[in-house]
Protein backbone atom coordinates (compact mmCIF):
# COMPACT_ATOMS: atom_id res chain seq x y z
CA MET A 1 -1.31 213.78 182.22
CA LYS A 2 1.60 213.80 184.45
CA ILE A 3 4.36 211.27 183.56
CA ARG A 4 5.90 210.24 186.84
CA LYS A 5 9.66 210.24 186.44
CA ARG A 6 10.10 208.26 189.55
CA HIS A 7 8.84 205.03 188.01
CA ILE A 8 11.16 202.59 186.13
CA ALA A 9 10.46 202.80 182.39
CA GLY A 10 9.54 200.36 179.72
CA THR A 11 8.32 197.22 181.63
CA LEU A 12 5.51 196.34 179.28
CA ALA A 13 6.98 197.98 176.03
CA ALA A 14 7.68 194.73 174.27
CA ILE A 15 4.05 193.58 174.74
CA LEU A 16 2.10 196.74 174.11
CA LEU A 17 4.09 198.35 171.22
CA PRO A 18 2.77 195.95 168.47
CA SER A 19 -0.77 197.13 169.24
CA LEU A 20 0.06 200.47 167.85
CA TYR A 21 -0.41 199.26 164.39
CA LEU A 22 -4.15 198.87 165.15
CA LEU A 23 -4.35 202.67 165.36
CA LYS A 24 -5.72 203.81 161.99
CA GLU A 25 -8.37 206.31 163.01
CA GLY A 26 -6.34 209.48 163.55
CA ASN A 27 -4.15 211.30 165.84
CA LEU A 28 -6.54 211.61 168.76
CA LYS A 29 -6.87 207.86 169.12
CA ALA A 30 -3.09 207.41 168.81
CA GLU A 31 -2.57 210.02 171.45
CA ARG A 32 -4.98 208.34 173.79
CA PHE A 33 -3.30 204.92 173.25
CA THR A 34 0.16 206.44 173.79
CA GLU A 35 -1.01 208.18 176.96
CA ASN A 36 -2.44 204.88 178.25
CA PHE A 37 0.67 203.05 177.34
CA LEU A 38 2.95 205.51 179.15
CA GLU A 39 0.73 205.37 182.25
CA LYS A 40 1.00 201.48 182.31
CA THR A 41 4.71 201.40 181.86
CA ALA A 42 5.50 204.63 183.61
CA ILE A 43 8.18 205.44 180.98
CA GLU A 44 9.92 208.77 181.43
CA ILE A 45 9.41 211.45 178.68
CA PRO A 46 12.01 214.13 178.21
CA ASN A 47 10.52 217.57 178.98
CA ASN A 48 11.18 218.73 175.30
CA TYR A 49 9.03 215.80 173.82
CA SER A 50 5.38 216.26 173.68
CA LEU A 51 2.79 213.38 173.85
CA LYS A 52 1.40 214.56 170.40
CA GLU A 53 4.74 214.30 168.78
CA LEU A 54 5.18 210.79 170.19
CA SER A 55 1.76 209.73 168.92
CA ASN A 56 2.49 211.14 165.45
CA SER A 57 5.73 209.43 165.34
CA TYR A 58 4.06 206.09 165.67
CA LEU A 59 1.51 206.94 163.05
CA ARG A 60 4.43 207.49 160.62
CA ILE A 61 5.82 204.00 161.16
CA PRO A 62 5.39 201.96 157.93
CA GLU A 63 2.92 198.99 158.13
CA LYS A 64 4.51 195.60 158.18
CA THR A 65 7.70 196.77 159.93
CA ASN A 66 8.73 195.79 163.39
CA PRO A 67 7.92 198.58 165.96
CA PRO A 68 11.10 200.47 167.08
CA ASN A 69 12.45 200.25 170.65
CA PHE A 70 10.64 202.90 172.70
CA TYR A 71 13.82 204.28 173.93
CA ASP A 72 15.33 204.63 170.45
CA LEU A 73 12.30 206.60 169.45
CA LEU A 74 12.81 209.00 172.29
CA ASN A 75 16.50 209.03 171.78
CA ILE A 76 17.28 208.18 175.44
CA GLU A 77 19.42 205.44 176.84
CA GLU A 78 17.45 202.31 178.27
CA PRO A 79 18.41 201.92 181.89
CA THR A 80 19.98 198.60 183.05
CA LEU A 81 19.34 196.92 186.29
CA GLU A 82 22.96 197.28 187.23
CA ASN A 83 22.84 201.01 186.76
CA ILE A 84 19.61 201.46 188.63
CA ASP A 85 21.08 199.50 191.51
CA LYS A 86 24.17 201.66 191.57
CA GLU A 87 22.20 204.80 191.77
CA LYS A 88 20.53 203.48 194.95
CA ARG A 89 17.30 205.22 194.01
CA LYS A 90 14.70 205.75 196.77
CA VAL A 91 11.19 206.53 195.49
CA TYR A 92 8.38 205.86 198.05
CA LEU A 93 4.76 205.41 197.15
CA SER A 94 2.14 206.78 199.38
CA GLU A 95 -0.32 204.78 201.24
CA LYS A 96 -3.09 205.81 198.75
CA GLU A 97 -0.87 204.78 195.75
CA ILE A 98 -0.26 201.35 197.41
CA GLU A 99 -3.97 200.88 198.09
CA ASN A 100 -4.81 201.70 194.54
CA HIS A 101 -2.28 199.20 193.23
CA ILE A 102 -3.47 196.55 195.59
CA ASN A 103 -7.23 197.15 194.79
CA SER A 104 -6.39 196.86 191.01
CA LEU A 105 -4.50 193.69 191.50
CA TYR A 106 -7.23 192.03 193.80
CA SER A 107 -9.83 192.81 191.09
CA ARG A 108 -7.90 190.98 188.48
CA ILE A 109 -6.50 187.96 190.46
CA SER A 110 -8.27 185.33 192.50
CA ILE A 111 -6.52 185.39 195.89
CA PRO A 112 -7.09 183.14 198.94
CA GLU A 113 -8.77 184.60 201.90
CA GLU A 114 -5.68 184.11 204.06
CA ILE A 115 -3.88 186.83 202.00
CA SER A 116 -6.29 189.78 202.70
CA LYS A 117 -5.59 193.25 201.33
CA ASP A 118 -4.70 194.36 204.77
CA ILE A 119 -2.11 191.49 205.19
CA PHE A 120 -0.64 192.09 201.82
CA LYS A 121 -0.20 195.85 202.37
CA LYS A 122 1.58 195.11 205.72
CA ILE A 123 3.85 192.59 203.88
CA ILE A 124 4.82 195.26 201.32
CA LYS A 125 5.40 197.91 204.02
CA LYS A 126 7.63 195.60 205.97
CA GLU A 127 9.52 194.45 202.86
CA SER A 128 10.35 197.74 201.36
CA ALA A 129 8.64 200.54 203.29
CA TYR A 130 6.92 201.28 199.88
CA ASN A 131 10.23 202.16 198.18
CA ILE A 132 9.82 200.78 194.64
CA TYR A 133 13.65 200.63 194.22
CA ALA A 134 14.25 198.72 197.52
CA LEU A 135 17.37 196.44 197.21
CA SER A 136 18.44 194.02 199.86
CA ALA A 137 21.83 192.50 200.54
CA LYS A 138 20.66 189.24 198.89
CA ASN A 139 19.52 191.12 195.74
CA ALA A 140 15.85 190.89 196.44
CA ARG A 141 14.25 193.85 194.74
CA GLY A 142 11.33 196.08 194.61
CA LEU A 143 8.11 196.55 196.72
CA GLY A 144 7.79 192.85 197.53
CA GLN A 145 11.58 192.16 197.62
CA ILE A 146 11.43 189.54 194.85
CA LEU A 147 14.50 187.41 193.97
CA GLU A 148 15.29 186.73 190.35
CA GLU A 149 14.76 182.97 190.82
CA THR A 150 11.29 183.62 192.15
CA TRP A 151 10.43 185.95 189.49
CA ASN A 152 11.51 183.44 186.71
CA THR A 153 9.40 180.75 188.20
CA LEU A 154 6.16 182.83 188.17
CA GLU A 155 6.75 185.23 185.14
CA LYS A 156 7.38 183.86 181.67
CA GLU A 157 6.85 186.92 179.61
CA ILE A 158 8.55 189.97 181.10
CA PRO A 159 12.25 189.61 182.03
CA TYR A 160 13.32 190.25 185.66
CA GLU A 161 15.46 193.22 184.74
CA GLN A 162 12.66 194.90 182.96
CA GLY A 163 9.77 194.34 185.42
CA VAL A 164 11.08 194.02 188.92
CA TYR A 165 11.10 197.70 189.72
CA ASN A 166 7.67 198.27 188.04
CA PRO A 167 5.41 198.81 191.04
CA SER A 168 2.32 197.02 189.52
CA LYS A 169 4.41 194.09 188.16
CA ASN A 170 6.38 193.61 191.29
CA LEU A 171 3.15 193.59 193.40
CA GLU A 172 1.61 191.08 190.89
CA ILE A 173 4.58 188.63 191.35
CA SER A 174 4.67 189.20 195.14
CA VAL A 175 0.97 188.13 195.47
CA LYS A 176 1.53 185.28 193.01
CA PHE A 177 4.28 184.00 195.16
CA LEU A 178 1.93 184.11 198.24
CA LYS A 179 -0.60 182.11 196.18
CA TRP A 180 2.12 179.75 195.31
CA ALA A 181 3.02 179.45 199.05
CA HIS A 182 -0.61 178.75 199.88
CA GLU A 183 -0.68 175.78 197.44
CA TYR A 184 2.70 174.56 198.75
CA ASN A 185 1.51 174.54 202.33
CA LYS A 186 -1.78 172.79 201.54
CA LYS A 187 0.30 170.09 199.64
CA TYR A 188 3.19 169.52 202.01
CA ASN A 189 2.28 171.03 205.43
CA PRO A 190 0.84 168.41 207.65
CA ASN A 191 -0.48 171.03 210.04
CA TRP A 192 -2.30 173.05 207.43
CA GLN A 193 -5.73 171.33 207.38
CA ASN A 194 -6.26 171.83 211.13
CA ALA A 195 -4.74 175.27 211.36
CA ASN A 196 -6.98 178.41 212.06
CA LEU A 197 -6.88 181.46 209.91
CA LYS A 198 -4.17 183.22 211.85
CA GLU A 199 -1.97 180.09 211.91
CA LYS A 200 -2.35 179.64 208.24
CA GLN A 201 -1.34 183.29 207.68
CA ALA A 202 1.70 182.56 209.92
CA TYR A 203 2.69 179.71 207.69
CA LEU A 204 2.35 181.72 204.59
CA LEU A 205 4.32 184.63 205.96
CA SER A 206 7.13 182.33 207.20
CA THR A 207 7.22 180.68 203.74
CA TYR A 208 7.48 184.15 202.13
CA ASN A 209 10.08 185.47 204.57
CA TRP A 210 12.23 182.40 205.42
CA GLY A 211 11.66 180.37 202.34
CA PRO A 212 9.59 177.23 201.59
CA GLY A 213 12.66 174.94 201.98
CA ASN A 214 13.63 176.31 205.28
CA LEU A 215 10.21 176.12 206.77
CA LYS A 216 9.72 172.54 205.52
CA ASN A 217 13.15 171.08 206.07
CA ASN A 218 14.87 173.23 208.73
CA GLY A 219 11.79 174.05 210.71
CA ASN A 220 9.91 170.87 210.14
CA TRP A 221 6.74 173.07 209.85
CA ASN A 222 7.16 174.15 213.48
CA LEU A 223 6.40 177.83 213.89
CA ASN A 224 8.31 177.71 217.20
CA LYS A 225 11.51 176.91 215.28
CA ILE A 226 11.52 179.95 212.95
CA PRO A 227 14.35 182.38 213.20
CA LYS A 228 14.12 185.47 215.33
CA GLU A 229 13.96 187.63 212.06
CA THR A 230 10.89 185.61 210.81
CA GLU A 231 9.33 185.70 214.31
CA ASN A 232 9.61 189.62 214.28
CA TYR A 233 8.24 189.65 210.82
CA LEU A 234 5.17 187.70 211.83
CA GLU A 235 4.69 189.84 214.90
CA TYR A 236 4.78 193.06 212.88
CA ILE A 237 2.24 191.86 210.33
CA LEU A 238 -0.08 189.74 212.30
CA ASN A 239 -0.31 191.69 215.57
CA ASN A 240 -0.12 195.41 214.36
């Protein structure tokens, strides 16, 4: 298995590591679990460290002890969000990789019809050009350009600094924000009930791009009052 060095490491380590104690049936099962774990978290393995050695290391962990930090086990330094941002990394996913992530996401989460796979894919392309380390001037990060405040509202288990640059998790929070925007519009937007599909998509996109408070308070739910940037955003996604 190829471990992709371009992905941020360790997003789900705190959740998955305790499961290693369930591995009592030999090295092969441990190795398969480790491989699956690494695939999910996209952690980077030094070239001189084999998957088999890593699996065996976990089998040697005494029972009833807390699992070690994954980075400590590999003897590598855990990257911080600040250090990653300073490096200004640029790692672009392919169209196929994005589609695979989206297909997996849509198979797990119930998503309103207004947020089609095609619409969501265009949102991600517009937001980040598929660069998993995209960073805006306002500190919106990752594929869907998620702010820390938005993340903390929608995600209670994985901290922002650990998950925001993980492609799968960032896309999950991005689509959850769109689902939240859908409910927000249904509750507060007086035009929602009589809007057609494309108009509803325009409201959702404006909420995502401009912000729910701006659309409600500054724009008074009027799509003719959105800023030029948001207007161009809608044009790119809905008419291309």
